[in-house]
mmCIF file of all heavy atoms, coordinates in Angstrom:
data_MODEL
# 
_entry.id   MODEL 
# 
loop_
_atom_site.group_PDB 
_atom_site.id 
_atom_site.type_symbol 
_atom_site.label_atom_id 
_atom_site.label_alt_id 
_atom_site.label_comp_id 
_atom_site.label_asym_id 
_atom_site.label_entity_id 
_atom_site.label_seq_id 
_atom_site.pdbx_PDB_ins_code 
_atom_site.Cartn_x 
_atom_site.Cartn_y 
_atom_site.Cartn_z 
_atom_site.occupancy 
_atom_site.B_iso_or_equiv 
_atom_site.pdbx_formal_charge 
_atom_site.auth_seq_id 
_atom_site.auth_comp_id 
_atom_site.auth_asym_id 
_atom_site.auth_atom_id 
_atom_site.pdbx_PDB_model_num 
ATOM 1   N N   . PHE A 1 1  ? 9.889  -12.122 -7.846  1.00 0.00 ? 1  PHE A N   1 
ATOM 2   C CA  . PHE A 1 1  ? 10.573 -13.151 -7.069  1.00 0.00 ? 1  PHE A CA  1 
ATOM 3   C C   . PHE A 1 1  ? 11.879 -12.613 -6.484  1.00 0.00 ? 1  PHE A C   1 
ATOM 4   O O   . PHE A 1 1  ? 12.195 -12.837 -5.310  1.00 0.00 ? 1  PHE A O   1 
ATOM 5   C CB  . PHE A 1 1  ? 10.833 -14.376 -7.960  1.00 0.00 ? 1  PHE A CB  1 
ATOM 6   C CG  . PHE A 1 1  ? 11.568 -15.479 -7.272  1.00 0.00 ? 1  PHE A CG  1 
ATOM 7   C CD1 . PHE A 1 1  ? 10.940 -16.262 -6.312  1.00 0.00 ? 1  PHE A CD1 1 
ATOM 8   C CD2 . PHE A 1 1  ? 12.888 -15.741 -7.587  1.00 0.00 ? 1  PHE A CD2 1 
ATOM 9   C CE1 . PHE A 1 1  ? 11.627 -17.281 -5.670  1.00 0.00 ? 1  PHE A CE1 1 
ATOM 10  C CE2 . PHE A 1 1  ? 13.579 -16.760 -6.949  1.00 0.00 ? 1  PHE A CE2 1 
ATOM 11  C CZ  . PHE A 1 1  ? 12.948 -17.534 -5.990  1.00 0.00 ? 1  PHE A CZ  1 
ATOM 12  N N   . GLN A 1 2  ? 12.641 -11.879 -7.302  1.00 0.00 ? 2  GLN A N   1 
ATOM 13  C CA  . GLN A 1 2  ? 13.902 -11.310 -6.823  1.00 0.00 ? 2  GLN A CA  1 
ATOM 14  C C   . GLN A 1 2  ? 13.671 -10.295 -5.701  1.00 0.00 ? 2  GLN A C   1 
ATOM 15  O O   . GLN A 1 2  ? 14.442 -10.247 -4.735  1.00 0.00 ? 2  GLN A O   1 
ATOM 16  C CB  . GLN A 1 2  ? 14.673 -10.671 -7.977  1.00 0.00 ? 2  GLN A CB  1 
ATOM 17  C CG  . GLN A 1 2  ? 15.235 -11.685 -8.944  1.00 0.00 ? 2  GLN A CG  1 
ATOM 18  C CD  . GLN A 1 2  ? 15.913 -11.045 -10.137 1.00 0.00 ? 2  GLN A CD  1 
ATOM 19  O OE1 . GLN A 1 2  ? 16.122 -9.839  -10.192 1.00 0.00 ? 2  GLN A OE1 1 
ATOM 20  N NE2 . GLN A 1 2  ? 16.275 -11.862 -11.117 1.00 0.00 ? 2  GLN A NE2 1 
ATOM 21  N N   . LEU A 1 3  ? 12.628 -9.494  -5.838  1.00 0.00 ? 3  LEU A N   1 
ATOM 22  C CA  . LEU A 1 3  ? 12.315 -8.537  -4.769  1.00 0.00 ? 3  LEU A CA  1 
ATOM 23  C C   . LEU A 1 3  ? 11.993 -9.269  -3.466  1.00 0.00 ? 3  LEU A C   1 
ATOM 24  O O   . LEU A 1 3  ? 12.423 -8.848  -2.387  1.00 0.00 ? 3  LEU A O   1 
ATOM 25  C CB  . LEU A 1 3  ? 11.151 -7.628  -5.187  1.00 0.00 ? 3  LEU A CB  1 
ATOM 26  C CG  . LEU A 1 3  ? 11.456 -6.615  -6.289  1.00 0.00 ? 3  LEU A CG  1 
ATOM 27  C CD1 . LEU A 1 3  ? 10.176 -5.928  -6.752  1.00 0.00 ? 3  LEU A CD1 1 
ATOM 28  C CD2 . LEU A 1 3  ? 12.480 -5.586  -5.806  1.00 0.00 ? 3  LEU A CD2 1 
ATOM 29  N N   . LEU A 1 4  ? 11.251 -10.357 -3.567  1.00 0.00 ? 4  LEU A N   1 
ATOM 30  C CA  . LEU A 1 4  ? 10.943 -11.147 -2.375  1.00 0.00 ? 4  LEU A CA  1 
ATOM 31  C C   . LEU A 1 4  ? 12.198 -11.788 -1.796  1.00 0.00 ? 4  LEU A C   1 
ATOM 32  O O   . LEU A 1 4  ? 12.383 -11.809 -0.566  1.00 0.00 ? 4  LEU A O   1 
ATOM 33  C CB  . LEU A 1 4  ? 9.900  -12.221 -2.697  1.00 0.00 ? 4  LEU A CB  1 
ATOM 34  C CG  . LEU A 1 4  ? 8.474  -11.726 -2.888  1.00 0.00 ? 4  LEU A CG  1 
ATOM 35  C CD1 . LEU A 1 4  ? 7.578  -12.862 -3.362  1.00 0.00 ? 4  LEU A CD1 1 
ATOM 36  C CD2 . LEU A 1 4  ? 7.943  -11.105 -1.610  1.00 0.00 ? 4  LEU A CD2 1 
ATOM 37  N N   . GLU A 1 5  ? 13.059 -12.317 -2.662  1.00 0.00 ? 5  GLU A N   1 
ATOM 38  C CA  . GLU A 1 5  ? 14.309 -12.919 -2.191  1.00 0.00 ? 5  GLU A CA  1 
ATOM 39  C C   . GLU A 1 5  ? 15.191 -11.904 -1.470  1.00 0.00 ? 5  GLU A C   1 
ATOM 40  O O   . GLU A 1 5  ? 15.883 -12.247 -0.520  1.00 0.00 ? 5  GLU A O   1 
ATOM 41  C CB  . GLU A 1 5  ? 15.101 -13.521 -3.360  1.00 0.00 ? 5  GLU A CB  1 
ATOM 42  C CG  . GLU A 1 5  ? 14.720 -14.927 -3.697  1.00 0.00 ? 5  GLU A CG  1 
ATOM 43  C CD  . GLU A 1 5  ? 15.755 -15.571 -4.606  1.00 0.00 ? 5  GLU A CD  1 
ATOM 44  O OE1 . GLU A 1 5  ? 16.361 -14.886 -5.449  1.00 0.00 ? 5  GLU A OE1 1 
ATOM 45  O OE2 . GLU A 1 5  ? 15.945 -16.793 -4.453  1.00 0.00 ? 5  GLU A OE2 1 
ATOM 46  N N   . GLN A 1 6  ? 15.164 -10.661 -1.914  1.00 0.00 ? 6  GLN A N   1 
ATOM 47  C CA  . GLN A 1 6  ? 15.956 -9.604  -1.305  1.00 0.00 ? 6  GLN A CA  1 
ATOM 48  C C   . GLN A 1 6  ? 15.239 -8.981  -0.106  1.00 0.00 ? 6  GLN A C   1 
ATOM 49  O O   . GLN A 1 6  ? 15.718 -8.004  0.463   1.00 0.00 ? 6  GLN A O   1 
ATOM 50  C CB  . GLN A 1 6  ? 16.282 -8.523  -2.342  1.00 0.00 ? 6  GLN A CB  1 
ATOM 51  C CG  . GLN A 1 6  ? 17.127 -9.004  -3.485  1.00 0.00 ? 6  GLN A CG  1 
ATOM 52  C CD  . GLN A 1 6  ? 17.192 -7.983  -4.603  1.00 0.00 ? 6  GLN A CD  1 
ATOM 53  O OE1 . GLN A 1 6  ? 17.017 -6.784  -4.404  1.00 0.00 ? 6  GLN A OE1 1 
ATOM 54  N NE2 . GLN A 1 6  ? 17.453 -8.451  -5.820  1.00 0.00 ? 6  GLN A NE2 1 
ATOM 55  N N   . GLU A 1 7  ? 14.071 -9.533  0.221   1.00 0.00 ? 7  GLU A N   1 
ATOM 56  C CA  . GLU A 1 7  ? 13.240 -9.064  1.330   1.00 0.00 ? 7  GLU A CA  1 
ATOM 57  C C   . GLU A 1 7  ? 12.830 -7.600  1.165   1.00 0.00 ? 7  GLU A C   1 
ATOM 58  O O   . GLU A 1 7  ? 12.728 -6.854  2.135   1.00 0.00 ? 7  GLU A O   1 
ATOM 59  C CB  . GLU A 1 7  ? 13.935 -9.305  2.668   1.00 0.00 ? 7  GLU A CB  1 
ATOM 60  C CG  . GLU A 1 7  ? 14.180 -10.794 2.925   1.00 0.00 ? 7  GLU A CG  1 
ATOM 61  C CD  . GLU A 1 7  ? 14.882 -11.075 4.237   1.00 0.00 ? 7  GLU A CD  1 
ATOM 62  O OE1 . GLU A 1 7  ? 15.158 -10.129 5.007   1.00 0.00 ? 7  GLU A OE1 1 
ATOM 63  O OE2 . GLU A 1 7  ? 15.155 -12.265 4.491   1.00 0.00 ? 7  GLU A OE2 1 
ATOM 64  N N   . LEU A 1 8  ? 12.593 -7.198  -0.071  1.00 0.00 ? 8  LEU A N   1 
ATOM 65  C CA  . LEU A 1 8  ? 12.109 -5.857  -0.388  1.00 0.00 ? 8  LEU A CA  1 
ATOM 66  C C   . LEU A 1 8  ? 10.589 -5.924  -0.557  1.00 0.00 ? 8  LEU A C   1 
ATOM 67  O O   . LEU A 1 8  ? 10.047 -5.750  -1.642  1.00 0.00 ? 8  LEU A O   1 
ATOM 68  C CB  . LEU A 1 8  ? 12.797 -5.324  -1.644  1.00 0.00 ? 8  LEU A CB  1 
ATOM 69  C CG  . LEU A 1 8  ? 14.315 -5.178  -1.550  1.00 0.00 ? 8  LEU A CG  1 
ATOM 70  C CD1 . LEU A 1 8  ? 14.925 -4.857  -2.903  1.00 0.00 ? 8  LEU A CD1 1 
ATOM 71  C CD2 . LEU A 1 8  ? 14.679 -4.099  -0.528  1.00 0.00 ? 8  LEU A CD2 1 
ATOM 72  N N   . THR A 1 9  ? 9.914  -6.181  0.554   1.00 0.00 ? 9  THR A N   1 
ATOM 73  C CA  . THR A 1 9  ? 8.480  -6.435  0.541   1.00 0.00 ? 9  THR A CA  1 
ATOM 74  C C   . THR A 1 9  ? 7.687  -5.237  0.037   1.00 0.00 ? 9  THR A C   1 
ATOM 75  O O   . THR A 1 9  ? 6.742  -5.393  -0.730  1.00 0.00 ? 9  THR A O   1 
ATOM 76  C CB  . THR A 1 9  ? 7.998  -6.849  1.948   1.00 0.00 ? 9  THR A CB  1 
ATOM 77  O OG1 . THR A 1 9  ? 8.813  -7.931  2.404   1.00 0.00 ? 9  THR A OG1 1 
ATOM 78  C CG2 . THR A 1 9  ? 6.545  -7.274  1.933   1.00 0.00 ? 9  THR A CG2 1 
ATOM 79  N N   . ALA A 1 10 ? 8.058  -4.041  0.456   1.00 0.00 ? 10 ALA A N   1 
ATOM 80  C CA  . ALA A 1 10 ? 7.330  -2.847  0.023   1.00 0.00 ? 10 ALA A CA  1 
ATOM 81  C C   . ALA A 1 10 ? 7.430  -2.672  -1.491  1.00 0.00 ? 10 ALA A C   1 
ATOM 82  O O   . ALA A 1 10 ? 6.431  -2.396  -2.160  1.00 0.00 ? 10 ALA A O   1 
ATOM 83  C CB  . ALA A 1 10 ? 7.859  -1.609  0.747   1.00 0.00 ? 10 ALA A CB  1 
ATOM 84  N N   . GLN A 1 11 ? 8.637  -2.845  -2.060  1.00 0.00 ? 11 GLN A N   1 
ATOM 85  C CA  . GLN A 1 11 ? 8.801  -2.730  -3.508  1.00 0.00 ? 11 GLN A CA  1 
ATOM 86  C C   . GLN A 1 11 ? 8.040  -3.833  -4.236  1.00 0.00 ? 11 GLN A C   1 
ATOM 87  O O   . GLN A 1 11 ? 7.457  -3.596  -5.290  1.00 0.00 ? 11 GLN A O   1 
ATOM 88  C CB  . GLN A 1 11 ? 10.284 -2.775  -3.908  1.00 0.00 ? 11 GLN A CB  1 
ATOM 89  C CG  . GLN A 1 11 ? 11.046 -1.536  -3.545  1.00 0.00 ? 11 GLN A CG  1 
ATOM 90  C CD  . GLN A 1 11 ? 11.743 -1.679  -2.201  1.00 0.00 ? 11 GLN A CD  1 
ATOM 91  O OE1 . GLN A 1 11 ? 11.284 -2.391  -1.310  1.00 0.00 ? 11 GLN A OE1 1 
ATOM 92  N NE2 . GLN A 1 11 ? 12.847 -0.988  -2.032  1.00 0.00 ? 11 GLN A NE2 1 
ATOM 93  N N   . PHE A 1 12 ? 8.053  -5.034  -3.667  1.00 0.00 ? 12 PHE A N   1 
ATOM 94  C CA  . PHE A 1 12 ? 7.298  -6.145  -4.244  1.00 0.00 ? 12 PHE A CA  1 
ATOM 95  C C   . PHE A 1 12 ? 5.815  -5.809  -4.333  1.00 0.00 ? 12 PHE A C   1 
ATOM 96  O O   . PHE A 1 12 ? 5.183  -5.971  -5.381  1.00 0.00 ? 12 PHE A O   1 
ATOM 97  C CB  . PHE A 1 12 ? 7.509  -7.421  -3.420  1.00 0.00 ? 12 PHE A CB  1 
ATOM 98  C CG  . PHE A 1 12 ? 6.461  -8.470  -3.658  1.00 0.00 ? 12 PHE A CG  1 
ATOM 99  C CD1 . PHE A 1 12 ? 6.468  -9.227  -4.821  1.00 0.00 ? 12 PHE A CD1 1 
ATOM 100 C CD2 . PHE A 1 12 ? 5.455  -8.684  -2.728  1.00 0.00 ? 12 PHE A CD2 1 
ATOM 101 C CE1 . PHE A 1 12 ? 5.487  -10.191 -5.050  1.00 0.00 ? 12 PHE A CE1 1 
ATOM 102 C CE2 . PHE A 1 12 ? 4.476  -9.641  -2.945  1.00 0.00 ? 12 PHE A CE2 1 
ATOM 103 C CZ  . PHE A 1 12 ? 4.497  -10.397 -4.111  1.00 0.00 ? 12 PHE A CZ  1 
ATOM 104 N N   . LEU A 1 13 ? 5.252  -5.341  -3.225  1.00 0.00 ? 13 LEU A N   1 
ATOM 105 C CA  . LEU A 1 13 ? 3.823  -5.007  -3.207  1.00 0.00 ? 13 LEU A CA  1 
ATOM 106 C C   . LEU A 1 13 ? 3.508  -3.856  -4.155  1.00 0.00 ? 13 LEU A C   1 
ATOM 107 O O   . LEU A 1 13 ? 2.525  -3.898  -4.901  1.00 0.00 ? 13 LEU A O   1 
ATOM 108 C CB  . LEU A 1 13 ? 3.371  -4.674  -1.786  1.00 0.00 ? 13 LEU A CB  1 
ATOM 109 C CG  . LEU A 1 13 ? 3.334  -5.850  -0.815  1.00 0.00 ? 13 LEU A CG  1 
ATOM 110 C CD1 . LEU A 1 13 ? 3.100  -5.364  0.611   1.00 0.00 ? 13 LEU A CD1 1 
ATOM 111 C CD2 . LEU A 1 13 ? 2.277  -6.856  -1.238  1.00 0.00 ? 13 LEU A CD2 1 
ATOM 112 N N   . LEU A 1 14 ? 4.356  -2.829  -4.124  1.00 0.00 ? 14 LEU A N   1 
ATOM 113 C CA  . LEU A 1 14 ? 4.148  -1.678  -5.011  1.00 0.00 ? 14 LEU A CA  1 
ATOM 114 C C   . LEU A 1 14 ? 4.202  -2.102  -6.475  1.00 0.00 ? 14 LEU A C   1 
ATOM 115 O O   . LEU A 1 14 ? 3.344  -1.735  -7.274  1.00 0.00 ? 14 LEU A O   1 
ATOM 116 C CB  . LEU A 1 14 ? 5.198  -0.607  -4.729  1.00 0.00 ? 14 LEU A CB  1 
ATOM 117 C CG  . LEU A 1 14 ? 5.143  0.635   -5.629  1.00 0.00 ? 14 LEU A CG  1 
ATOM 118 C CD1 . LEU A 1 14 ? 3.845  1.396   -5.397  1.00 0.00 ? 14 LEU A CD1 1 
ATOM 119 C CD2 . LEU A 1 14 ? 6.339  1.526   -5.349  1.00 0.00 ? 14 LEU A CD2 1 
ATOM 120 N N   . TYR A 1 15 ? 5.203  -2.891  -6.828  1.00 0.00 ? 15 TYR A N   1 
ATOM 121 C CA  . TYR A 1 15 ? 5.382  -3.338  -8.210  1.00 0.00 ? 15 TYR A CA  1 
ATOM 122 C C   . TYR A 1 15 ? 4.224  -4.229  -8.654  1.00 0.00 ? 15 TYR A C   1 
ATOM 123 O O   . TYR A 1 15 ? 3.645  -4.018  -9.728  1.00 0.00 ? 15 TYR A O   1 
ATOM 124 C CB  . TYR A 1 15 ? 6.716  -4.081  -8.319  1.00 0.00 ? 15 TYR A CB  1 
ATOM 125 C CG  . TYR A 1 15 ? 7.106  -4.523  -9.709  1.00 0.00 ? 15 TYR A CG  1 
ATOM 126 C CD1 . TYR A 1 15 ? 6.891  -3.721  -10.822 1.00 0.00 ? 15 TYR A CD1 1 
ATOM 127 C CD2 . TYR A 1 15 ? 7.727  -5.748  -9.906  1.00 0.00 ? 15 TYR A CD2 1 
ATOM 128 C CE1 . TYR A 1 15 ? 7.276  -4.130  -12.088 1.00 0.00 ? 15 TYR A CE1 1 
ATOM 129 C CE2 . TYR A 1 15 ? 8.118  -6.163  -11.164 1.00 0.00 ? 15 TYR A CE2 1 
ATOM 130 C CZ  . TYR A 1 15 ? 7.888  -5.347  -12.251 1.00 0.00 ? 15 TYR A CZ  1 
ATOM 131 O OH  . TYR A 1 15 ? 8.269  -5.753  -13.502 1.00 0.00 ? 15 TYR A OH  1 
ATOM 132 N N   . SER A 1 16 ? 3.862  -5.195  -7.848  1.00 0.00 ? 16 SER A N   1 
ATOM 133 C CA  . SER A 1 16 ? 2.794  -6.125  -8.216  1.00 0.00 ? 16 SER A CA  1 
ATOM 134 C C   . SER A 1 16 ? 1.458  -5.422  -8.369  1.00 0.00 ? 16 SER A C   1 
ATOM 135 O O   . SER A 1 16 ? 0.771  -5.561  -9.393  1.00 0.00 ? 16 SER A O   1 
ATOM 136 C CB  . SER A 1 16 ? 2.662  -7.225  -7.155  1.00 0.00 ? 16 SER A CB  1 
ATOM 137 O OG  . SER A 1 16 ? 3.819  -7.987  -7.087  1.00 0.00 ? 16 SER A OG  1 
ATOM 138 N N   . ILE A 1 17 ? 1.080  -4.663  -7.369  1.00 0.00 ? 17 ILE A N   1 
ATOM 139 C CA  . ILE A 1 17 ? -0.233 -4.012  -7.378  1.00 0.00 ? 17 ILE A CA  1 
ATOM 140 C C   . ILE A 1 17 ? -0.291 -2.912  -8.432  1.00 0.00 ? 17 ILE A C   1 
ATOM 141 O O   . ILE A 1 17 ? -1.255 -2.817  -9.191  1.00 0.00 ? 17 ILE A O   1 
ATOM 142 C CB  . ILE A 1 17 ? -0.572 -3.479  -5.972  1.00 0.00 ? 17 ILE A CB  1 
ATOM 143 C CG1 . ILE A 1 17 ? -0.759 -4.663  -5.003  1.00 0.00 ? 17 ILE A CG1 1 
ATOM 144 C CG2 . ILE A 1 17 ? -1.817 -2.598  -6.001  1.00 0.00 ? 17 ILE A CG2 1 
ATOM 145 C CD1 . ILE A 1 17 ? -0.809 -4.277  -3.539  1.00 0.00 ? 17 ILE A CD1 1 
ATOM 146 N N   . SER A 1 18 ? 0.764  -2.088  -8.503  1.00 0.00 ? 18 SER A N   1 
ATOM 147 C CA  . SER A 1 18 ? 0.730  -0.993  -9.479  1.00 0.00 ? 18 SER A CA  1 
ATOM 148 C C   . SER A 1 18 ? 0.751  -1.526  -10.913 1.00 0.00 ? 18 SER A C   1 
ATOM 149 O O   . SER A 1 18 ? 0.125  -0.952  -11.807 1.00 0.00 ? 18 SER A O   1 
ATOM 150 C CB  . SER A 1 18 ? 1.870  -0.005  -9.248  1.00 0.00 ? 18 SER A CB  1 
ATOM 151 O OG  . SER A 1 18 ? 3.117  -0.622  -9.429  1.00 0.00 ? 18 SER A OG  1 
ATOM 152 N N   . SER A 1 19 ? 1.450  -2.628  -11.158 1.00 0.00 ? 19 SER A N   1 
ATOM 153 C CA  . SER A 1 19 ? 1.467  -3.216  -12.501 1.00 0.00 ? 19 SER A CA  1 
ATOM 154 C C   . SER A 1 19 ? 0.085  -3.703  -12.899 1.00 0.00 ? 19 SER A C   1 
ATOM 155 O O   . SER A 1 19 ? -0.389 -3.431  -14.013 1.00 0.00 ? 19 SER A O   1 
ATOM 156 C CB  . SER A 1 19 ? 2.458  -4.383  -12.565 1.00 0.00 ? 19 SER A CB  1 
ATOM 157 O OG  . SER A 1 19 ? 3.769  -3.940  -12.422 1.00 0.00 ? 19 SER A OG  1 
ATOM 158 N N   . PHE A 1 20 ? -0.567 -4.410  -12.004 1.00 0.00 ? 20 PHE A N   1 
ATOM 159 C CA  . PHE A 1 20 ? -1.892 -4.950  -12.303 1.00 0.00 ? 20 PHE A CA  1 
ATOM 160 C C   . PHE A 1 20 ? -2.917 -3.836  -12.496 1.00 0.00 ? 20 PHE A C   1 
ATOM 161 O O   . PHE A 1 20 ? -3.628 -3.798  -13.507 1.00 0.00 ? 20 PHE A O   1 
ATOM 162 C CB  . PHE A 1 20 ? -2.340 -5.896  -11.182 1.00 0.00 ? 20 PHE A CB  1 
ATOM 163 C CG  . PHE A 1 20 ? -3.663 -6.542  -11.450 1.00 0.00 ? 20 PHE A CG  1 
ATOM 164 C CD1 . PHE A 1 20 ? -3.767 -7.593  -12.338 1.00 0.00 ? 20 PHE A CD1 1 
ATOM 165 C CD2 . PHE A 1 20 ? -4.806 -6.076  -10.820 1.00 0.00 ? 20 PHE A CD2 1 
ATOM 166 C CE1 . PHE A 1 20 ? -5.000 -8.183  -12.601 1.00 0.00 ? 20 PHE A CE1 1 
ATOM 167 C CE2 . PHE A 1 20 ? -6.041 -6.655  -11.075 1.00 0.00 ? 20 PHE A CE2 1 
ATOM 168 C CZ  . PHE A 1 20 ? -6.131 -7.710  -11.964 1.00 0.00 ? 20 PHE A CZ  1 
ATOM 169 N N   . VAL A 1 21 ? -2.970 -2.903  -11.551 1.00 0.00 ? 21 VAL A N   1 
ATOM 170 C CA  . VAL A 1 21 ? -3.955 -1.817  -11.627 1.00 0.00 ? 21 VAL A CA  1 
ATOM 171 C C   . VAL A 1 21 ? -3.674 -0.917  -12.826 1.00 0.00 ? 21 VAL A C   1 
ATOM 172 O O   . VAL A 1 21 ? -4.586 -0.577  -13.591 1.00 0.00 ? 21 VAL A O   1 
ATOM 173 C CB  . VAL A 1 21 ? -3.986 -1.017  -10.303 1.00 0.00 ? 21 VAL A CB  1 
ATOM 174 C CG1 . VAL A 1 21 ? -4.830 0.241   -10.430 1.00 0.00 ? 21 VAL A CG1 1 
ATOM 175 C CG2 . VAL A 1 21 ? -4.503 -1.899  -9.166  1.00 0.00 ? 21 VAL A CG2 1 
ATOM 176 N N   . SER A 1 22 ? -2.412 -0.530  -13.006 1.00 0.00 ? 22 SER A N   1 
ATOM 177 C CA  . SER A 1 22 ? -2.061 0.334   -14.141 1.00 0.00 ? 22 SER A CA  1 
ATOM 178 C C   . SER A 1 22 ? -2.341 -0.353  -15.470 1.00 0.00 ? 22 SER A C   1 
ATOM 179 O O   . SER A 1 22 ? -2.829 0.279   -16.410 1.00 0.00 ? 22 SER A O   1 
ATOM 180 C CB  . SER A 1 22 ? -0.579 0.721   -14.085 1.00 0.00 ? 22 SER A CB  1 
ATOM 181 O OG  . SER A 1 22 ? -0.303 1.446   -12.933 1.00 0.00 ? 22 SER A OG  1 
ATOM 182 N N   . GLY A 1 23 ? -2.029 -1.644  -15.561 1.00 0.00 ? 23 GLY A N   1 
ATOM 183 C CA  . GLY A 1 23 ? -2.295 -2.386  -16.788 1.00 0.00 ? 23 GLY A CA  1 
ATOM 184 C C   . GLY A 1 23 ? -3.771 -2.393  -17.142 1.00 0.00 ? 23 GLY A C   1 
ATOM 185 O O   . GLY A 1 23 ? -4.161 -2.155  -18.286 1.00 0.00 ? 23 GLY A O   1 
ATOM 186 N N   . LEU A 1 24 ? -4.611 -2.668  -16.147 1.00 0.00 ? 24 LEU A N   1 
ATOM 187 C CA  . LEU A 1 24 ? -6.064 -2.654  -16.393 1.00 0.00 ? 24 LEU A CA  1 
ATOM 188 C C   . LEU A 1 24 ? -6.556 -1.270  -16.788 1.00 0.00 ? 24 LEU A C   1 
ATOM 189 O O   . LEU A 1 24 ? -7.344 -1.121  -17.728 1.00 0.00 ? 24 LEU A O   1 
ATOM 190 C CB  . LEU A 1 24 ? -6.822 -3.128  -15.150 1.00 0.00 ? 24 LEU A CB  1 
ATOM 191 C CG  . LEU A 1 24 ? -6.878 -4.620  -14.917 1.00 0.00 ? 24 LEU A CG  1 
ATOM 192 C CD1 . LEU A 1 24 ? -7.573 -4.919  -13.588 1.00 0.00 ? 24 LEU A CD1 1 
ATOM 193 C CD2 . LEU A 1 24 ? -7.605 -5.320  -16.053 1.00 0.00 ? 24 LEU A CD2 1 
# 
């Protein structure tokens, strides 16, 4: 949410996707 609020879209996408894929 904070990344989105700061308009850091690339970091948001990287963090979300890499967390999910890496976790699995």
